[in-house]
Amino acid sequence: METKDKTEEVAEDTERHMLFESSRRVLLAGIGAIALAQDEIEDFVDKLVERGEIAEKDGKKLVKEVMEKRKKRPHFGEEEMHKRAKAMLERLNVPTKTDIETLSEKIAALTKKVDELKKNQE
């Protein structure tokens, strides 16, 4: 099997770097969304308290309940980030592990056939 030339290696490194950066951005956006959601919940409850629609102690209790429910569902944010990352990878047309395994199997089968044909010609 031939070794990769320098151009192919640079292209693969560049592609990996772009994928890493894209994944990093998605994860940071997810983390930011979670933090933003908490801030928005607190702001919303503070506004309710300011308007006199709920008592301050009830507002604190409400924020605490919401945060506890989020702690009970820690994977919710992870699931959402996973969905977004998967969608991004699909948009970038990045092959899945299954795609790569399937192609590897096909390459192995073709290599075997080529070797058999070479032996038959000799």
N, C-alpha and C. Protein backbone atom coordinates (compact mmCIF):
# COMPACT_ATOMS: atom_id res chain seq x y z
N MET A 1 0.85 -1.18 0.00
CA MET A 1 0.00 0.00 0.00
C MET A 1 0.89 1.24 0.00
N GLU A 2 0.56 2.23 -0.82
CA GLU A 2 1.38 3.42 -0.92
C GLU A 2 1.18 4.32 0.29
N THR A 3 2.24 5.05 0.62
CA THR A 3 2.12 6.01 1.70
C THR A 3 1.50 7.29 1.16
N LYS A 4 0.91 8.06 2.04
CA LYS A 4 0.27 9.30 1.64
C LYS A 4 1.33 10.34 1.31
N ASP A 5 1.05 11.15 0.31
CA ASP A 5 1.99 12.22 0.03
C ASP A 5 1.69 13.40 0.96
N LYS A 6 2.58 14.34 0.99
CA LYS A 6 2.50 15.47 1.91
C LYS A 6 1.22 16.28 1.70
N THR A 7 0.80 16.45 0.46
CA THR A 7 -0.40 17.23 0.16
C THR A 7 -1.63 16.59 0.79
N GLU A 8 -1.75 15.26 0.69
CA GLU A 8 -2.89 14.55 1.29
C GLU A 8 -2.87 14.68 2.80
N GLU A 9 -1.70 14.58 3.40
CA GLU A 9 -1.59 14.72 4.85
C GLU A 9 -2.00 16.10 5.31
N VAL A 10 -1.55 17.13 4.59
CA VAL A 10 -1.91 18.50 4.94
C VAL A 10 -3.42 18.69 4.80
N ALA A 11 -4.00 18.15 3.74
CA ALA A 11 -5.45 18.26 3.52
C ALA A 11 -6.21 17.58 4.64
N GLU A 12 -5.77 16.40 5.05
CA GLU A 12 -6.43 15.68 6.14
C GLU A 12 -6.30 16.43 7.45
N ASP A 13 -5.11 16.98 7.72
CA ASP A 13 -4.90 17.77 8.94
C ASP A 13 -5.80 18.99 8.96
N THR A 14 -5.91 19.66 7.81
CA THR A 14 -6.76 20.84 7.71
C THR A 14 -8.22 20.47 7.95
N GLU A 15 -8.64 19.36 7.35
CA GLU A 15 -10.03 18.89 7.51
C GLU A 15 -10.31 18.54 8.97
N ARG A 16 -9.37 17.84 9.61
CA ARG A 16 -9.53 17.49 11.03
C ARG A 16 -9.62 18.74 11.88
N HIS A 17 -8.76 19.73 11.58
CA HIS A 17 -8.77 20.97 12.36
C HIS A 17 -10.11 21.69 12.20
N MET A 18 -10.62 21.74 10.96
CA MET A 18 -11.90 22.40 10.72
C MET A 18 -13.02 21.67 11.46
N LEU A 19 -13.00 20.36 11.45
CA LEU A 19 -14.00 19.57 12.15
C LEU A 19 -13.92 19.82 13.66
N PHE A 20 -12.68 19.84 14.17
CA PHE A 20 -12.48 20.10 15.60
C PHE A 20 -13.03 21.47 15.97
N GLU A 21 -12.70 22.48 15.18
CA GLU A 21 -13.16 23.84 15.47
C GLU A 21 -14.67 23.94 15.40
N SER A 22 -15.27 23.29 14.42
CA SER A 22 -16.73 23.31 14.29
C SER A 22 -17.38 22.62 15.49
N SER A 23 -16.84 21.48 15.88
CA SER A 23 -17.37 20.76 17.04
C SER A 23 -17.21 21.60 18.30
N ARG A 24 -16.07 22.24 18.42
CA ARG A 24 -15.80 23.09 19.59
C ARG A 24 -16.84 24.20 19.67
N ARG A 25 -17.12 24.83 18.54
CA ARG A 25 -18.10 25.92 18.52
C ARG A 25 -19.49 25.44 18.91
N VAL A 26 -19.88 24.25 18.42
CA VAL A 26 -21.19 23.70 18.76
C VAL A 26 -21.28 23.44 20.26
N LEU A 27 -20.23 22.85 20.82
CA LEU A 27 -20.24 22.56 22.25
C LEU A 27 -20.28 23.83 23.08
N LEU A 28 -19.49 24.83 22.69
CA LEU A 28 -19.50 26.10 23.42
C LEU A 28 -20.86 26.79 23.31
N ALA A 29 -21.48 26.69 22.14
CA ALA A 29 -22.81 27.27 21.97
C ALA A 29 -23.82 26.57 22.88
N GLY A 30 -23.69 25.25 22.99
CA GLY A 30 -24.58 24.50 23.88
C GLY A 30 -24.41 24.91 25.33
N ILE A 31 -23.16 25.04 25.74
CA ILE A 31 -22.88 25.46 27.12
C ILE A 31 -23.42 26.86 27.35
N GLY A 32 -23.20 27.73 26.37
CA GLY A 32 -23.72 29.10 26.48
C GLY A 32 -25.23 29.13 26.55
N ALA A 33 -25.89 28.27 25.78
CA ALA A 33 -27.35 28.21 25.79
C ALA A 33 -27.87 27.78 27.16
N ILE A 34 -27.18 26.84 27.77
CA ILE A 34 -27.59 26.37 29.10
C ILE A 34 -27.45 27.50 30.11
N ALA A 35 -26.32 28.20 30.08
CA ALA A 35 -26.09 29.31 31.00
C ALA A 35 -27.10 30.43 30.74
N LEU A 36 -27.36 30.70 29.46
CA LEU A 36 -28.31 31.73 29.09
C LEU A 36 -29.71 31.37 29.58
N ALA A 37 -30.07 30.11 29.45
CA ALA A 37 -31.40 29.66 29.90
C ALA A 37 -31.56 29.91 31.40
N GLN A 38 -30.52 29.62 32.17
CA GLN A 38 -30.59 29.84 33.61
C GLN A 38 -30.75 31.33 33.90
N ASP A 39 -29.98 32.17 33.22
CA ASP A 39 -30.09 33.62 33.40
C ASP A 39 -31.48 34.11 33.03
N GLU A 40 -32.02 33.58 31.93
CA GLU A 40 -33.35 34.00 31.50
C GLU A 40 -34.42 33.58 32.49
N ILE A 41 -34.28 32.42 33.08
CA ILE A 41 -35.24 31.95 34.08
C ILE A 41 -35.22 32.90 35.28
N GLU A 42 -34.00 33.22 35.73
CA GLU A 42 -33.87 34.12 36.88
C GLU A 42 -34.41 35.51 36.56
N ASP A 43 -34.12 36.03 35.36
CA ASP A 43 -34.64 37.34 34.95
C ASP A 43 -36.16 37.34 34.88
N PHE A 44 -36.72 36.27 34.32
CA PHE A 44 -38.17 36.16 34.21
C PHE A 44 -38.82 36.17 35.59
N VAL A 45 -38.28 35.39 36.50
CA VAL A 45 -38.84 35.32 37.85
C VAL A 45 -38.67 36.66 38.55
N ASP A 46 -37.51 37.31 38.36
CA ASP A 46 -37.29 38.63 38.97
C ASP A 46 -38.34 39.63 38.48
N LYS A 47 -38.69 39.57 37.20
CA LYS A 47 -39.71 40.47 36.65
C LYS A 47 -41.08 40.20 37.27
N LEU A 48 -41.36 38.91 37.47
CA LEU A 48 -42.64 38.56 38.11
C LEU A 48 -42.69 39.12 39.53
N VAL A 49 -41.57 39.04 40.23
CA VAL A 49 -41.49 39.56 41.59
C VAL A 49 -41.65 41.09 41.57
N GLU A 50 -40.95 41.77 40.65
CA GLU A 50 -41.03 43.23 40.55
C GLU A 50 -42.45 43.71 40.28
N ARG A 51 -43.17 42.98 39.44
CA ARG A 51 -44.55 43.34 39.11
C ARG A 51 -45.52 42.99 40.23
N GLY A 52 -45.03 42.25 41.21
CA GLY A 52 -45.89 41.86 42.32
C GLY A 52 -46.77 40.68 41.99
N GLU A 53 -46.45 39.98 40.91
CA GLU A 53 -47.27 38.84 40.51
C GLU A 53 -47.00 37.62 41.38
N ILE A 54 -45.78 37.54 41.92
CA ILE A 54 -45.47 36.48 42.89
C ILE A 54 -44.60 37.09 43.99
N ALA A 55 -44.62 36.46 45.14
CA ALA A 55 -43.81 36.94 46.26
C ALA A 55 -42.35 36.58 46.02
N GLU A 56 -41.44 37.35 46.64
CA GLU A 56 -40.01 37.12 46.44
C GLU A 56 -39.61 35.72 46.87
N LYS A 57 -40.14 35.27 48.01
CA LYS A 57 -39.77 33.92 48.47
C LYS A 57 -40.29 32.86 47.51
N ASP A 58 -41.49 33.09 46.93
CA ASP A 58 -42.02 32.15 45.94
C ASP A 58 -41.17 32.15 44.67
N GLY A 59 -40.65 33.33 44.31
CA GLY A 59 -39.78 33.44 43.15
C GLY A 59 -38.50 32.66 43.35
N LYS A 60 -37.90 32.80 44.51
CA LYS A 60 -36.67 32.05 44.81
C LYS A 60 -36.95 30.55 44.80
N LYS A 61 -38.11 30.18 45.36
CA LYS A 61 -38.49 28.77 45.38
C LYS A 61 -38.68 28.24 43.96
N LEU A 62 -39.30 29.05 43.11
CA LEU A 62 -39.54 28.65 41.72
C LEU A 62 -38.22 28.45 40.98
N VAL A 63 -37.29 29.38 41.12
CA VAL A 63 -35.98 29.25 40.47
C VAL A 63 -35.28 28.00 40.97
N LYS A 64 -35.34 27.76 42.27
CA LYS A 64 -34.70 26.59 42.86
C LYS A 64 -35.31 25.30 42.29
N GLU A 65 -36.64 25.25 42.18
CA GLU A 65 -37.31 24.07 41.64
C GLU A 65 -36.90 23.80 40.19
N VAL A 66 -36.85 24.88 39.40
CA VAL A 66 -36.48 24.72 38.00
C VAL A 66 -35.05 24.19 37.89
N MET A 67 -34.15 24.75 38.70
CA MET A 67 -32.75 24.30 38.67
C MET A 67 -32.63 22.85 39.13
N GLU A 68 -33.41 22.45 40.12
CA GLU A 68 -33.38 21.06 40.59
C GLU A 68 -33.89 20.11 39.51
N LYS A 69 -34.93 20.53 38.80
CA LYS A 69 -35.44 19.70 37.71
C LYS A 69 -34.40 19.54 36.62
N ARG A 70 -33.66 20.61 36.35
CA ARG A 70 -32.61 20.54 35.34
C ARG A 70 -31.49 19.61 35.80
N LYS A 71 -31.21 19.60 37.09
CA LYS A 71 -30.16 18.70 37.60
C LYS A 71 -30.59 17.25 37.48
N LYS A 72 -31.89 16.99 37.61
CA LYS A 72 -32.40 15.63 37.48
C LYS A 72 -32.35 15.16 36.03
N ARG A 73 -32.28 16.11 35.12
CA ARG A 73 -32.21 15.78 33.69
C ARG A 73 -30.92 16.34 33.10
N PRO A 74 -29.78 15.90 33.63
CA PRO A 74 -28.51 16.48 33.15
C PRO A 74 -28.19 16.13 31.71
N HIS A 75 -28.76 15.06 31.22
CA HIS A 75 -28.45 14.63 29.87
C HIS A 75 -29.25 15.38 28.80
N PHE A 76 -30.23 16.18 29.24
CA PHE A 76 -31.04 16.90 28.28
C PHE A 76 -30.17 17.82 27.43
N GLY A 77 -29.31 18.58 28.07
CA GLY A 77 -28.41 19.48 27.34
C GLY A 77 -27.46 18.71 26.46
N GLU A 78 -26.96 17.60 26.97
CA GLU A 78 -26.04 16.77 26.19
C GLU A 78 -26.74 16.20 24.96
N GLU A 79 -27.98 15.77 25.15
CA GLU A 79 -28.74 15.21 24.02
C GLU A 79 -28.93 16.28 22.94
N GLU A 80 -29.27 17.48 23.37
CA GLU A 80 -29.48 18.57 22.42
C GLU A 80 -28.18 18.89 21.69
N MET A 81 -27.06 18.94 22.41
CA MET A 81 -25.78 19.22 21.78
C MET A 81 -25.41 18.10 20.81
N HIS A 82 -25.71 16.85 21.20
CA HIS A 82 -25.42 15.71 20.33
C HIS A 82 -26.22 15.82 19.03
N LYS A 83 -27.50 16.17 19.15
CA LYS A 83 -28.34 16.32 17.95
C LYS A 83 -27.78 17.41 17.04
N ARG A 84 -27.40 18.53 17.63
CA ARG A 84 -26.87 19.65 16.83
C ARG A 84 -25.54 19.29 16.18
N ALA A 85 -24.68 18.60 16.94
CA ALA A 85 -23.39 18.19 16.38
C ALA A 85 -23.60 17.22 15.22
N LYS A 86 -24.52 16.27 15.40
CA LYS A 86 -24.81 15.29 14.35
C LYS A 86 -25.35 16.00 13.11
N ALA A 87 -26.25 16.95 13.31
CA ALA A 87 -26.81 17.69 12.18
C ALA A 87 -25.71 18.48 11.46
N MET A 88 -24.81 19.08 12.23
CA MET A 88 -23.72 19.84 11.63
C MET A 88 -22.81 18.93 10.81
N LEU A 89 -22.48 17.77 11.35
CA LEU A 89 -21.63 16.83 10.63
C LEU A 89 -22.30 16.35 9.35
N GLU A 90 -23.62 16.16 9.40
CA GLU A 90 -24.34 15.75 8.20
C GLU A 90 -24.32 16.86 7.15
N ARG A 91 -24.48 18.13 7.61
CA ARG A 91 -24.43 19.25 6.66
C ARG A 91 -23.04 19.38 6.03
N LEU A 92 -22.00 19.07 6.82
CA LEU A 92 -20.64 19.13 6.31
C LEU A 92 -20.30 17.90 5.47
N ASN A 93 -21.23 16.95 5.43
CA ASN A 93 -21.05 15.72 4.67
C ASN A 93 -19.86 14.90 5.18
N VAL A 94 -19.69 14.87 6.51
CA VAL A 94 -18.63 14.09 7.13
C VAL A 94 -19.11 12.64 7.24
N PRO A 95 -18.32 11.69 6.74
CA PRO A 95 -18.77 10.29 6.80
C PRO A 95 -18.84 9.78 8.24
N THR A 96 -19.81 8.92 8.48
CA THR A 96 -19.96 8.31 9.80
C THR A 96 -18.99 7.15 9.94
N LYS A 97 -18.87 6.65 11.16
CA LYS A 97 -18.00 5.49 11.41
C LYS A 97 -18.50 4.30 10.58
N THR A 98 -19.80 4.13 10.51
CA THR A 98 -20.38 3.04 9.73
C THR A 98 -20.03 3.18 8.25
N ASP A 99 -20.10 4.42 7.74
CA ASP A 99 -19.73 4.67 6.34
C ASP A 99 -18.28 4.25 6.09
N ILE A 100 -17.40 4.63 6.99
CA ILE A 100 -15.98 4.32 6.84
C ILE A 100 -15.74 2.82 6.92
N GLU A 101 -16.42 2.16 7.86
CA GLU A 101 -16.27 0.71 7.99
C GLU A 101 -16.76 -0.01 6.73
N THR A 102 -17.88 0.45 6.19
CA THR A 102 -18.43 -0.16 4.97
C THR A 102 -17.46 0.01 3.82
N LEU A 103 -16.92 1.23 3.67
CA LEU A 103 -15.94 1.47 2.61
C LEU A 103 -14.68 0.63 2.81
N SER A 104 -14.24 0.49 4.04
CA SER A 104 -13.05 -0.32 4.32
C SER A 104 -13.27 -1.77 3.92
N GLU A 105 -14.46 -2.28 4.21
CA GLU A 105 -14.78 -3.66 3.82
C GLU A 105 -14.78 -3.81 2.30
N LYS A 106 -15.35 -2.83 1.61
CA LYS A 106 -15.37 -2.87 0.15
C LYS A 106 -13.96 -2.78 -0.43
N ILE A 107 -13.13 -1.94 0.15
CA ILE A 107 -11.74 -1.80 -0.31
C ILE A 107 -11.00 -3.11 -0.10
N ALA A 108 -11.20 -3.74 1.05
CA ALA A 108 -10.54 -5.02 1.34
C ALA A 108 -10.97 -6.08 0.32
N ALA A 109 -12.27 -6.12 0.01
CA ALA A 109 -12.77 -7.10 -0.96
C ALA A 109 -12.20 -6.82 -2.35
N LEU A 110 -12.15 -5.56 -2.74
CA LEU A 110 -11.58 -5.22 -4.05
C LEU A 110 -10.09 -5.53 -4.11
N THR A 111 -9.38 -5.25 -3.03
CA THR A 111 -7.94 -5.55 -2.98
C THR A 111 -7.72 -7.04 -3.15
N LYS A 112 -8.56 -7.84 -2.51
CA LYS A 112 -8.45 -9.30 -2.61
C LYS A 112 -8.69 -9.74 -4.06
N LYS A 113 -9.69 -9.16 -4.71
CA LYS A 113 -9.99 -9.52 -6.10
C LYS A 113 -8.84 -9.12 -7.02
N VAL A 114 -8.28 -7.93 -6.80
CA VAL A 114 -7.15 -7.48 -7.63
C VAL A 114 -5.97 -8.43 -7.45
N ASP A 115 -5.68 -8.81 -6.22
CA ASP A 115 -4.58 -9.74 -5.95
C ASP A 115 -4.82 -11.08 -6.65
N GLU A 116 -6.06 -11.57 -6.61
CA GLU A 116 -6.40 -12.83 -7.27
C GLU A 116 -6.22 -12.72 -8.79
N LEU A 117 -6.62 -11.60 -9.36
CA LEU A 117 -6.48 -11.38 -10.79
C LEU A 117 -5.00 -11.33 -11.19
N LYS A 118 -4.18 -10.70 -10.37
CA LYS A 118 -2.74 -10.64 -10.63
C LYS A 118 -2.13 -12.03 -10.61
N LYS A 119 -2.54 -12.84 -9.64
CA LYS A 119 -2.02 -14.22 -9.56
C LYS A 119 -2.43 -15.03 -10.77
N ASN A 120 -3.67 -14.87 -11.23
CA ASN A 120 -4.17 -15.61 -12.38
C ASN A 120 -3.46 -15.22 -13.68
N GLN A 121 -3.03 -13.96 -13.76
CA GLN A 121 -2.34 -13.49 -14.97
C GLN A 121 -0.88 -13.97 -14.99
N GLU A 122 -0.33 -14.26 -13.86
CA GLU A 122 1.08 -14.68 -13.79
C GLU A 122 1.29 -16.09 -14.15
